[in-house]
Amino acid sequence: MKEILNQLYEIEQKSIKNNITLFNRNLKRLFHDIEEQGFFIKNPLGEKFSESRTDIDATLMNNLGPESKITKVLKPIIYKKENDQLIIIQKGVAIVE
């Protein structure tokens, strides 16, 4: 399932980047069905980054400072809800500047 979620994330990001809205409805339906199965995808783009974050493996482009942000997400964070708890299935992979 993790591989499918990563592929859906990539398709969504490419369609956003290229301003292709043709698939928006289909992607929303797929993400809705996936969430119904307990999976959640988080895109942390633009969020602040600190070394204490455990949900992301980051490549630092500059020295880490208080204003460091996630500028590119290569893989999203994937969670699965089990017994009312969110468990990380995949850490996000990101670039931080």
PDB file of N, CA and C in Angstrom:
ATOM      1  N   MET A   1       0.822  -1.193   0.000  1.00  0.00           N
ATOM      2  CA  MET A   1       0.000   0.000   0.000  1.00  0.00           C
ATOM      3  C   MET A   1       0.869   1.261   0.000  1.00  0.00           C
ATOM      4  N   LYS A   2       1.994   1.212   0.682  1.00  0.00           N
ATOM      5  CA  LYS A   2       2.882   2.371   0.760  1.00  0.00           C
ATOM      6  C   LYS A   2       3.339   2.813  -0.631  1.00  0.00           C
ATOM      7  N   GLU A   3       3.642   1.863  -1.493  1.00  0.00           N
ATOM      8  CA  GLU A   3       4.097   2.191  -2.846  1.00  0.00           C
ATOM      9  C   GLU A   3       2.982   2.862  -3.650  1.00  0.00           C
ATOM     10  N   ILE A   4       1.761   2.374  -3.487  1.00  0.00           N
ATOM     11  CA  ILE A   4       0.615   2.963  -4.184  1.00  0.00           C
ATOM     12  C   ILE A   4       0.397   4.395  -3.709  1.00  0.00           C
ATOM     13  N   LEU A   5       0.484   4.612  -2.410  1.00  0.00           N
ATOM     14  CA  LEU A   5       0.298   5.956  -1.866  1.00  0.00           C
ATOM     15  C   LEU A   5       1.377   6.914  -2.364  1.00  0.00           C
ATOM     16  N   ASN A   6       2.604   6.432  -2.460  1.00  0.00           N
ATOM     17  CA  ASN A   6       3.678   7.276  -2.990  1.00  0.00           C
ATOM     18  C   ASN A   6       3.435   7.641  -4.444  1.00  0.00           C
ATOM     19  N   GLN A   7       2.952   6.696  -5.224  1.00  0.00           N
ATOM     20  CA  GLN A   7       2.667   6.970  -6.632  1.00  0.00           C
ATOM     21  C   GLN A   7       1.516   7.971  -6.771  1.00  0.00           C
ATOM     22  N   LEU A   8       0.481   7.816  -5.970  1.00  0.00           N
ATOM     23  CA  LEU A   8      -0.632   8.768  -6.004  1.00  0.00           C
ATOM     24  C   LEU A   8      -0.162  10.170  -5.619  1.00  0.00           C
ATOM     25  N   TYR A   9       0.700  10.241  -4.616  1.00  0.00           N
ATOM     26  CA  TYR A   9       1.256  11.535  -4.204  1.00  0.00           C
ATOM     27  C   TYR A   9       2.023  12.175  -5.364  1.00  0.00           C
ATOM     28  N   GLU A  10       2.848  11.394  -6.039  1.00  0.00           N
ATOM     29  CA  GLU A  10       3.617  11.923  -7.175  1.00  0.00           C
ATOM     30  C   GLU A  10       2.705  12.398  -8.303  1.00  0.00           C
ATOM     31  N   ILE A  11       1.668  11.631  -8.603  1.00  0.00           N
ATOM     32  CA  ILE A  11       0.720  12.030  -9.643  1.00  0.00           C
ATOM     33  C   ILE A  11       0.048  13.347  -9.263  1.00  0.00           C
ATOM     34  N   GLU A  12      -0.369  13.445  -8.014  1.00  0.00           N
ATOM     35  CA  GLU A  12      -1.014  14.683  -7.555  1.00  0.00           C
ATOM     36  C   GLU A  12      -0.070  15.872  -7.668  1.00  0.00           C
ATOM     37  N   GLN A  13       1.193  15.693  -7.235  1.00  0.00           N
ATOM     38  CA  GLN A  13       2.145  16.799  -7.276  1.00  0.00           C
ATOM     39  C   GLN A  13       2.470  17.217  -8.703  1.00  0.00           C
ATOM     40  N   LYS A  14       2.600  16.253  -9.603  1.00  0.00           N
ATOM     41  CA  LYS A  14       2.874  16.579 -11.004  1.00  0.00           C
ATOM     42  C   LYS A  14       1.697  17.296 -11.640  1.00  0.00           C
ATOM     43  N   SER A  15       0.486  16.891 -11.295  1.00  0.00           N
ATOM     44  CA  SER A  15      -0.680  17.563 -11.873  1.00  0.00           C
ATOM     45  C   SER A  15      -0.798  18.987 -11.333  1.00  0.00           C
ATOM     46  N   ILE A  16      -0.458  19.207 -10.075  1.00  0.00           N
ATOM     47  CA  ILE A  16      -0.470  20.561  -9.511  1.00  0.00           C
ATOM     48  C   ILE A  16       0.596  21.422 -10.186  1.00  0.00           C
ATOM     49  N   LYS A  17       1.798  20.874 -10.309  1.00  0.00           N
ATOM     50  CA  LYS A  17       2.914  21.614 -10.912  1.00  0.00           C
ATOM     51  C   LYS A  17       2.614  22.023 -12.347  1.00  0.00           C
ATOM     52  N   ASN A  18       1.963  21.147 -13.088  1.00  0.00           N
ATOM     53  CA  ASN A  18       1.667  21.411 -14.498  1.00  0.00           C
ATOM     54  C   ASN A  18       0.264  21.974 -14.724  1.00  0.00           C
ATOM     55  N   ASN A  19      -0.406  22.325 -13.615  1.00  0.00           N
ATOM     56  CA  ASN A  19      -1.736  22.922 -13.678  1.00  0.00           C
ATOM     57  C   ASN A  19      -2.717  22.057 -14.480  1.00  0.00           C
ATOM     58  N   ILE A  20      -2.662  20.763 -14.223  1.00  0.00           N
ATOM     59  CA  ILE A  20      -3.586  19.824 -14.871  1.00  0.00           C
ATOM     60  C   ILE A  20      -4.687  19.499 -13.866  1.00  0.00           C
ATOM     61  N   THR A  21      -5.878  19.965 -14.155  1.00  0.00           N
ATOM     62  CA  THR A  21      -6.993  19.770 -13.223  1.00  0.00           C
ATOM     63  C   THR A  21      -7.920  18.638 -13.641  1.00  0.00           C
ATOM     64  N   LEU A  22      -7.606  18.026 -14.737  1.00  0.00           N
ATOM     65  CA  LEU A  22      -8.446  16.967 -15.298  1.00  0.00           C
ATOM     66  C   LEU A  22      -8.672  15.807 -14.319  1.00  0.00           C
ATOM     67  N   PHE A  23      -7.678  15.516 -13.477  1.00  0.00           N
ATOM     68  CA  PHE A  23      -7.740  14.352 -12.589  1.00  0.00           C
ATOM     69  C   PHE A  23      -8.109  14.692 -11.148  1.00  0.00           C
ATOM     70  N   ASN A  24      -8.391  15.949 -10.854  1.00  0.00           N
ATOM     71  CA  ASN A  24      -8.651  16.364  -9.466  1.00  0.00           C
ATOM     72  C   ASN A  24      -9.751  15.540  -8.808  1.00  0.00           C
ATOM     73  N   ARG A  25     -10.856  15.372  -9.485  1.00  0.00           N
ATOM     74  CA  ARG A  25     -11.989  14.622  -8.919  1.00  0.00           C
ATOM     75  C   ARG A  25     -11.598  13.176  -8.637  1.00  0.00           C
ATOM     76  N   ASN A  26     -10.890  12.568  -9.581  1.00  0.00           N
ATOM     77  CA  ASN A  26     -10.475  11.172  -9.399  1.00  0.00           C
ATOM     78  C   ASN A  26      -9.499  11.031  -8.233  1.00  0.00           C
ATOM     79  N   LEU A  27      -8.552  11.950  -8.143  1.00  0.00           N
ATOM     80  CA  LEU A  27      -7.574  11.897  -7.051  1.00  0.00           C
ATOM     81  C   LEU A  27      -8.262  12.099  -5.702  1.00  0.00           C
ATOM     82  N   LYS A  28      -9.192  13.035  -5.628  1.00  0.00           N
ATOM     83  CA  LYS A  28      -9.910  13.262  -4.371  1.00  0.00           C
ATOM     84  C   LYS A  28     -10.681  12.012  -3.944  1.00  0.00           C
ATOM     85  N   ARG A  29     -11.295  11.345  -4.901  1.00  0.00           N
ATOM     86  CA  ARG A  29     -12.034  10.114  -4.582  1.00  0.00           C
ATOM     87  C   ARG A  29     -11.094   9.020  -4.094  1.00  0.00           C
ATOM     88  N   LEU A  30      -9.941   8.881  -4.745  1.00  0.00           N
ATOM     89  CA  LEU A  30      -8.961   7.878  -4.316  1.00  0.00           C
ATOM     90  C   LEU A  30      -8.456   8.179  -2.906  1.00  0.00           C
ATOM     91  N   PHE A  31      -8.096   9.442  -2.648  1.00  0.00           N
ATOM     92  CA  PHE A  31      -7.604   9.806  -1.320  1.00  0.00           C
ATOM     93  C   PHE A  31      -8.691   9.609  -0.268  1.00  0.00           C
ATOM     94  N   HIS A  32      -9.934   9.878  -0.611  1.00  0.00           N
ATOM     95  CA  HIS A  32     -11.043   9.653   0.323  1.00  0.00           C
ATOM     96  C   HIS A  32     -11.159   8.161   0.658  1.00  0.00           C
ATOM     97  N   ASP A  33     -11.103   7.312  -0.360  1.00  0.00           N
ATOM     98  CA  ASP A  33     -11.195   5.868  -0.133  1.00  0.00           C
ATOM     99  C   ASP A  33     -10.021   5.359   0.704  1.00  0.00           C
ATOM    100  N   ILE A  34      -8.855   5.904   0.449  1.00  0.00           N
ATOM    101  CA  ILE A  34      -7.658   5.514   1.207  1.00  0.00           C
ATOM    102  C   ILE A  34      -7.806   5.917   2.673  1.00  0.00           C
ATOM    103  N   GLU A  35      -8.317   7.122   2.913  1.00  0.00           N
ATOM    104  CA  GLU A  35      -8.537   7.568   4.290  1.00  0.00           C
ATOM    105  C   GLU A  35      -9.582   6.707   4.995  1.00  0.00           C
ATOM    106  N   GLU A  36     -10.565   6.241   4.257  1.00  0.00           N
ATOM    107  CA  GLU A  36     -11.576   5.351   4.838  1.00  0.00           C
ATOM    108  C   GLU A  36     -10.943   4.037   5.315  1.00  0.00           C
ATOM    109  N   GLN A  37      -9.821   3.655   4.705  1.00  0.00           N
ATOM    110  CA  GLN A  37      -9.108   2.442   5.108  1.00  0.00           C
ATOM    111  C   GLN A  37      -8.111   2.721   6.227  1.00  0.00           C
ATOM    112  N   GLY A  38      -8.038   3.970   6.689  1.00  0.00           N
ATOM    113  CA  GLY A  38      -7.185   4.314   7.819  1.00  0.00           C
ATOM    114  C   GLY A  38      -5.832   4.893   7.459  1.00  0.00           C
ATOM    115  N   PHE A  39      -5.575   5.133   6.185  1.00  0.00           N
ATOM    116  CA  PHE A  39      -4.293   5.705   5.777  1.00  0.00           C
ATOM    117  C   PHE A  39      -4.425   7.210   5.576  1.00  0.00           C
ATOM    118  N   PHE A  40      -3.378   7.937   5.950  1.00  0.00           N
ATOM    119  CA  PHE A  40      -3.352   9.382   5.781  1.00  0.00           C
ATOM    120  C   PHE A  40      -2.001   9.791   5.217  1.00  0.00           C
ATOM    121  N   ILE A  41      -2.040  10.685   4.258  1.00  0.00           N
ATOM    122  CA  ILE A  41      -0.814  11.196   3.644  1.00  0.00           C
ATOM    123  C   ILE A  41      -0.670  12.652   4.063  1.00  0.00           C
ATOM    124  N   LYS A  42       0.531  13.021   4.521  1.00  0.00           N
ATOM    125  CA  LYS A  42       0.792  14.406   4.911  1.00  0.00           C
ATOM    126  C   LYS A  42       1.943  14.954   4.087  1.00  0.00           C
ATOM    127  N   ASN A  43       1.696  16.096   3.468  1.00  0.00           N
ATOM    128  CA  ASN A  43       2.725  16.809   2.731  1.00  0.00           C
ATOM    129  C   ASN A  43       3.184  17.962   3.622  1.00  0.00           C
ATOM    130  N   PRO A  44       4.402  17.880   4.196  1.00  0.00           N
ATOM    131  CA  PRO A  44       4.851  18.910   5.134  1.00  0.00           C
ATOM    132  C   PRO A  44       5.523  20.120   4.475  1.00  0.00           C
ATOM    133  N   LEU A  45       5.305  20.324   3.202  1.00  0.00           N
ATOM    134  CA  LEU A  45       5.919  21.429   2.478  1.00  0.00           C
ATOM    135  C   LEU A  45       5.626  22.759   3.177  1.00  0.00           C
ATOM    136  N   GLY A  46       6.679  23.543   3.393  1.00  0.00           N
ATOM    137  CA  GLY A  46       6.534  24.856   4.009  1.00  0.00           C
ATOM    138  C   GLY A  46       6.569  24.862   5.522  1.00  0.00           C
ATOM    139  N   GLU A  47       6.534  23.692   6.141  1.00  0.00           N
ATOM    140  CA  GLU A  47       6.570  23.624   7.604  1.00  0.00           C
ATOM    141  C   GLU A  47       7.977  23.898   8.116  1.00  0.00           C
ATOM    142  N   LYS A  48       8.044  24.417   9.339  1.00  0.00           N
ATOM    143  CA  LYS A  48       9.351  24.620   9.975  1.00  0.00           C
ATOM    144  C   LYS A  48       9.969  23.262  10.259  1.00  0.00           C
ATOM    145  N   PHE A  49      11.306  23.241  10.240  1.00  0.00           N
ATOM    146  CA  PHE A  49      12.010  21.994  10.502  1.00  0.00           C
ATOM    147  C   PHE A  49      12.972  22.183  11.662  1.00  0.00           C
ATOM    148  N   SER A  50      13.027  21.187  12.527  1.00  0.00           N
ATOM    149  CA  SER A  50      14.022  21.151  13.598  1.00  0.00           C
ATOM    150  C   SER A  50      14.564  19.732  13.679  1.00  0.00           C
ATOM    151  N   GLU A  51      15.721  19.607  14.279  1.00  0.00           N
ATOM    152  CA  GLU A  51      16.358  18.288  14.392  1.00  0.00           C
ATOM    153  C   GLU A  51      15.552  17.332  15.263  1.00  0.00           C
ATOM    154  N   SER A  52      14.632  17.857  16.040  1.00  0.00           N
ATOM    155  CA  SER A  52      13.840  16.997  16.921  1.00  0.00           C
ATOM    156  C   SER A  52      12.682  16.304  16.194  1.00  0.00           C
ATOM    157  N   ARG A  53      12.433  16.682  14.944  1.00  0.00           N
ATOM    158  CA  ARG A  53      11.363  16.015  14.182  1.00  0.00           C
ATOM    159  C   ARG A  53      11.754  14.582  13.892  1.00  0.00           C
ATOM    160  N   THR A  54      10.849  13.688  14.183  1.00  0.00           N
ATOM    161  CA  THR A  54      11.124  12.266  13.954  1.00  0.00           C
ATOM    162  C   THR A  54      10.333  11.708  12.775  1.00  0.00           C
ATOM    163  N   ASP A  55       9.513  12.551  12.169  1.00  0.00           N
ATOM    164  CA  ASP A  55       8.674  12.072  11.073  1.00  0.00           C
ATOM    165  C   ASP A  55       9.248  12.378   9.693  1.00  0.00           C
ATOM    166  N   ILE A  56      10.467  12.955   9.650  1.00  0.00           N
ATOM    167  CA  ILE A  56      11.071  13.327   8.375  1.00  0.00           C
ATOM    168  C   ILE A  56      12.559  13.002   8.381  1.00  0.00           C
ATOM    169  N   ASP A  57      13.019  12.441   7.246  1.00  0.00           N
ATOM    170  CA  ASP A  57      14.447  12.328   6.976  1.00  0.00           C
ATOM    171  C   ASP A  57      14.770  13.486   6.047  1.00  0.00           C
ATOM    172  N   ALA A  58      15.637  14.387   6.502  1.00  0.00           N
ATOM    173  CA  ALA A  58      15.870  15.620   5.750  1.00  0.00           C
ATOM    174  C   ALA A  58      17.308  15.735   5.259  1.00  0.00           C
ATOM    175  N   THR A  59      17.433  16.351   4.099  1.00  0.00           N
ATOM    176  CA  THR A  59      18.725  16.769   3.573  1.00  0.00           C
ATOM    177  C   THR A  59      18.782  18.273   3.781  1.00  0.00           C
ATOM    178  N   LEU A  60      19.797  18.720   4.519  1.00  0.00           N
ATOM    179  CA  LEU A  60      19.928  20.145   4.826  1.00  0.00           C
ATOM    180  C   LEU A  60      20.773  20.814   3.756  1.00  0.00           C
ATOM    181  N   MET A  61      20.222  21.853   3.145  1.00  0.00           N
ATOM    182  CA  MET A  61      20.939  22.576   2.095  1.00  0.00           C
ATOM    183  C   MET A  61      21.813  23.680   2.680  1.00  0.00           C
ATOM    184  N   ASN A  62      21.494  24.154   3.866  1.00  0.00           N
ATOM    185  CA  ASN A  62      22.259  25.178   4.574  1.00  0.00           C
ATOM    186  C   ASN A  62      22.370  24.744   6.024  1.00  0.00           C
ATOM    187  N   ASN A  63      23.062  25.556   6.817  1.00  0.00           N
ATOM    188  CA  ASN A  63      23.107  25.275   8.246  1.00  0.00           C
ATOM    189  C   ASN A  63      21.703  25.409   8.821  1.00  0.00           C
ATOM    190  N   LEU A  64      21.370  24.508   9.698  1.00  0.00           N
ATOM    191  CA  LEU A  64      20.048  24.508  10.303  1.00  0.00           C
ATOM    192  C   LEU A  64      19.910  25.703  11.228  1.00  0.00           C
ATOM    193  N   GLY A  65      18.864  26.487  11.025  1.00  0.00           N
ATOM    194  CA  GLY A  65      18.605  27.650  11.861  1.00  0.00           C
ATOM    195  C   GLY A  65      17.156  27.680  12.282  1.00  0.00           C
ATOM    196  N   PRO A  66      16.776  28.690  13.067  1.00  0.00           N
ATOM    197  CA  PRO A  66      15.393  28.770  13.562  1.00  0.00           C
ATOM    198  C   PRO A  66      14.369  29.015  12.452  1.00  0.00           C
ATOM    199  N   GLU A  67      14.802  29.500  11.308  1.00  0.00           N
ATOM    200  CA  GLU A  67      13.885  29.773  10.199  1.00  0.00           C
ATOM    201  C   GLU A  67      13.926  28.689   9.125  1.00  0.00           C
ATOM    202  N   SER A  68      14.591  27.568   9.397  1.00  0.00           N
ATOM    203  CA  SER A  68      14.693  26.496   8.407  1.00  0.00           C
ATOM    204  C   SER A  68      13.314  25.908   8.119  1.00  0.00           C
ATOM    205  N   LYS A  69      13.022  25.771   6.821  1.00  0.00           N
ATOM    206  CA  LYS A  69      11.733  25.239   6.401  1.00  0.00           C
ATOM    207  C   LYS A  69      11.925  24.117   5.391  1.00  0.00           C
ATOM    208  N   ILE A  70      10.911  23.298   5.289  1.00  0.00           N
ATOM    209  CA  ILE A  70      10.894  22.231   4.295  1.00  0.00           C
ATOM    210  C   ILE A  70      10.527  22.873   2.962  1.00  0.00           C
ATOM    211  N   THR A  71      11.459  22.781   2.001  1.00  0.00           N
ATOM    212  CA  THR A  71      11.241  23.458   0.713  1.00  0.00           C
ATOM    213  C   THR A  71      10.881  22.492  -0.409  1.00  0.00           C
ATOM    214  N   LYS A  72      11.141  21.214  -0.206  1.00  0.00           N
ATOM    215  CA  LYS A  72      10.778  20.228  -1.223  1.00  0.00           C
ATOM    216  C   LYS A  72      10.509  18.905  -0.523  1.00  0.00           C
ATOM    217  N   VAL A  73       9.433  18.234  -0.924  1.00  0.00           N
ATOM    218  CA  VAL A  73       9.073  16.945  -0.335  1.00  0.00           C
ATOM    219  C   VAL A  73       9.218  15.886  -1.414  1.00  0.00           C
ATOM    220  N   LEU A  74      10.148  14.968  -1.196  1.00  0.00           N
ATOM    221  CA  LEU A  74      10.368  13.892  -2.153  1.00  0.00           C
ATOM    222  C   LEU A  74       9.422  12.721  -1.900  1.00  0.00           C
ATOM    223  N   LYS A  75       9.150  12.460  -0.623  1.00  0.00           N
ATOM    224  CA  LYS A  75       8.178  11.440  -0.233  1.00  0.00           C
ATOM    225  C   LYS A  75       7.368  11.994   0.927  1.00  0.00           C
ATOM    226  N   PRO A  76       6.069  11.778   0.908  1.00  0.00           N
ATOM    227  CA  PRO A  76       5.224  12.301   1.990  1.00  0.00           C
ATOM    228  C   PRO A  76       5.322  11.435   3.243  1.00  0.00           C
ATOM    229  N   ILE A  77       4.790  11.973   4.323  1.00  0.00           N
ATOM    230  CA  ILE A  77       4.652  11.188   5.552  1.00  0.00           C
ATOM    231  C   ILE A  77       3.366  10.377   5.405  1.00  0.00           C
ATOM    232  N   ILE A  78       3.445   9.098   5.693  1.00  0.00           N
ATOM    233  CA  ILE A  78       2.260   8.238   5.591  1.00  0.00           C
ATOM    234  C   ILE A  78       1.952   7.668   6.975  1.00  0.00           C
ATOM    235  N   TYR A  79       0.699   7.860   7.389  1.00  0.00           N
ATOM    236  CA  TYR A  79       0.219   7.360   8.668  1.00  0.00           C
ATOM    237  C   TYR A  79      -0.860   6.312   8.432  1.00  0.00           C
ATOM    238  N   LYS A  80      -1.007   5.439   9.416  1.00  0.00           N
ATOM    239  CA  LYS A  80      -2.130   4.477   9.430  1.00  0.00           C
ATOM    240  C   LYS A  80      -2.770   4.581  10.801  1.00  0.00           C
ATOM    241  N   LYS A  81      -4.085   4.720  10.789  1.00  0.00           N
ATOM    242  CA  LYS A  81      -4.823   4.797  12.046  1.00  0.00           C
ATOM    243  C   LYS A  81      -5.142   3.396  12.524  1.00  0.00           C
ATOM    244  N   GLU A  82      -4.661   3.083  13.725  1.00  0.00           N
ATOM    245  CA  GLU A  82      -4.923   1.782  14.345  1.00  0.00           C
ATOM    246  C   GLU A  82      -5.290   2.011  15.798  1.00  0.00           C
ATOM    247  N   ASN A  83      -6.456   1.527  16.181  1.00  0.00           N
ATOM    248  CA  ASN A  83      -6.933   1.666  17.565  1.00  0.00           C
ATOM    249  C   ASN A  83      -6.888   3.119  18.036  1.00  0.00           C
ATOM    250  N   ASP A  84      -7.395   4.025  17.217  1.00  0.00           N
ATOM    251  CA  ASP A  84      -7.463   5.457  17.524  1.00  0.00           C
ATOM    252  C   ASP A  84      -6.095   6.114  17.698  1.00  0.00           C
ATOM    253  N   GLN A  85      -5.045   5.509  17.166  1.00  0.00           N
ATOM    254  CA  GLN A  85      -3.709   6.102  17.182  1.00  0.00           C
ATOM    255  C   GLN A  85      -3.175   6.151  15.761  1.00  0.00           C
ATOM    256  N   LEU A  86      -2.439   7.220  15.452  1.00  0.00           N
ATOM    257  CA  LEU A  86      -1.779   7.311  14.162  1.00  0.00           C
ATOM    258  C   LEU A  86      -0.369   6.761  14.288  1.00  0.00           C
ATOM    259  N   ILE A  87      -0.046   5.804  13.442  1.00  0.00           N
ATOM    260  CA  ILE A  87       1.271   5.174  13.429  1.00  0.00           C
ATOM    261  C   ILE A  87       1.958   5.559  12.128  1.00  0.00           C
ATOM    262  N   ILE A  88       3.216   5.961  12.223  1.00  0.00           N
ATOM    263  CA  ILE A  88       3.952   6.325  11.018  1.00  0.00           C
ATOM    264  C   ILE A  88       4.329   5.061  10.258  1.00  0.00           C
ATOM    265  N   ILE A  89       3.854   4.985   9.011  1.00  0.00           N
ATOM    266  CA  ILE A  89       4.180   3.877   8.125  1.00  0.00           C
ATOM    267  C   ILE A  89       5.424   4.221   7.311  1.00  0.00           C
ATOM    268  N   GLN A  90       5.546   5.518   6.985  1.00  0.00           N
ATOM    269  CA  GLN A  90       6.709   5.983   6.208  1.00  0.00           C
ATOM    270  C   GLN A  90       7.067   7.388   6.671  1.00  0.00           C
ATOM    271  N   LYS A  91       8.355   7.582   6.968  1.00  0.00           N
ATOM    272  CA  LYS A  91       8.836   8.929   7.230  1.00  0.00           C
ATOM    273  C   LYS A  91       8.886   9.700   5.920  1.00  0.00           C
ATOM    274  N   GLY A  92       8.650  10.992   6.016  1.00  0.00           N
ATOM    275  CA  GLY A  92       8.779  11.838   4.847  1.00  0.00           C
ATOM    276  C   GLY A  92      10.245  12.021   4.494  1.00  0.00           C
ATOM    277  N   VAL A  93      10.512  12.256   3.232  1.00  0.00           N
ATOM    278  CA  VAL A  93      11.870  12.560   2.764  1.00  0.00           C
ATOM    279  C   VAL A  93      11.791  13.968   2.172  1.00  0.00           C
ATOM    280  N   ALA A  94      12.634  14.869   2.702  1.00  0.00           N
ATOM    281  CA  ALA A  94      12.488  16.266   2.309  1.00  0.00           C
ATOM    282  C   ALA A  94      13.841  16.978   2.227  1.00  0.00           C
ATOM    283  N   ILE A  95      13.790  18.119   1.568  1.00  0.00           N
ATOM    284  CA  ILE A  95      14.934  19.033   1.504  1.00  0.00           C
ATOM    285  C   ILE A  95      14.588  20.242   2.353  1.00  0.00           C
ATOM    286  N   VAL A  96      15.543  20.649   3.186  1.00  0.00           N
ATOM    287  CA  VAL A  96      15.331  21.759   4.107  1.00  0.00           C
ATOM    288  C   VAL A  96      16.328  22.861   3.800  1.00  0.00           C
ATOM    289  N   GLU A  97      15.808  24.090   3.740  1.00  0.00           N
ATOM    290  CA  GLU A  97      16.684  25.262   3.528  1.00  0.00           C
ATOM    291  C   GLU A  97      16.411  26.300   4.569  1.00  0.00           C
TER     292      GLU A  97
END
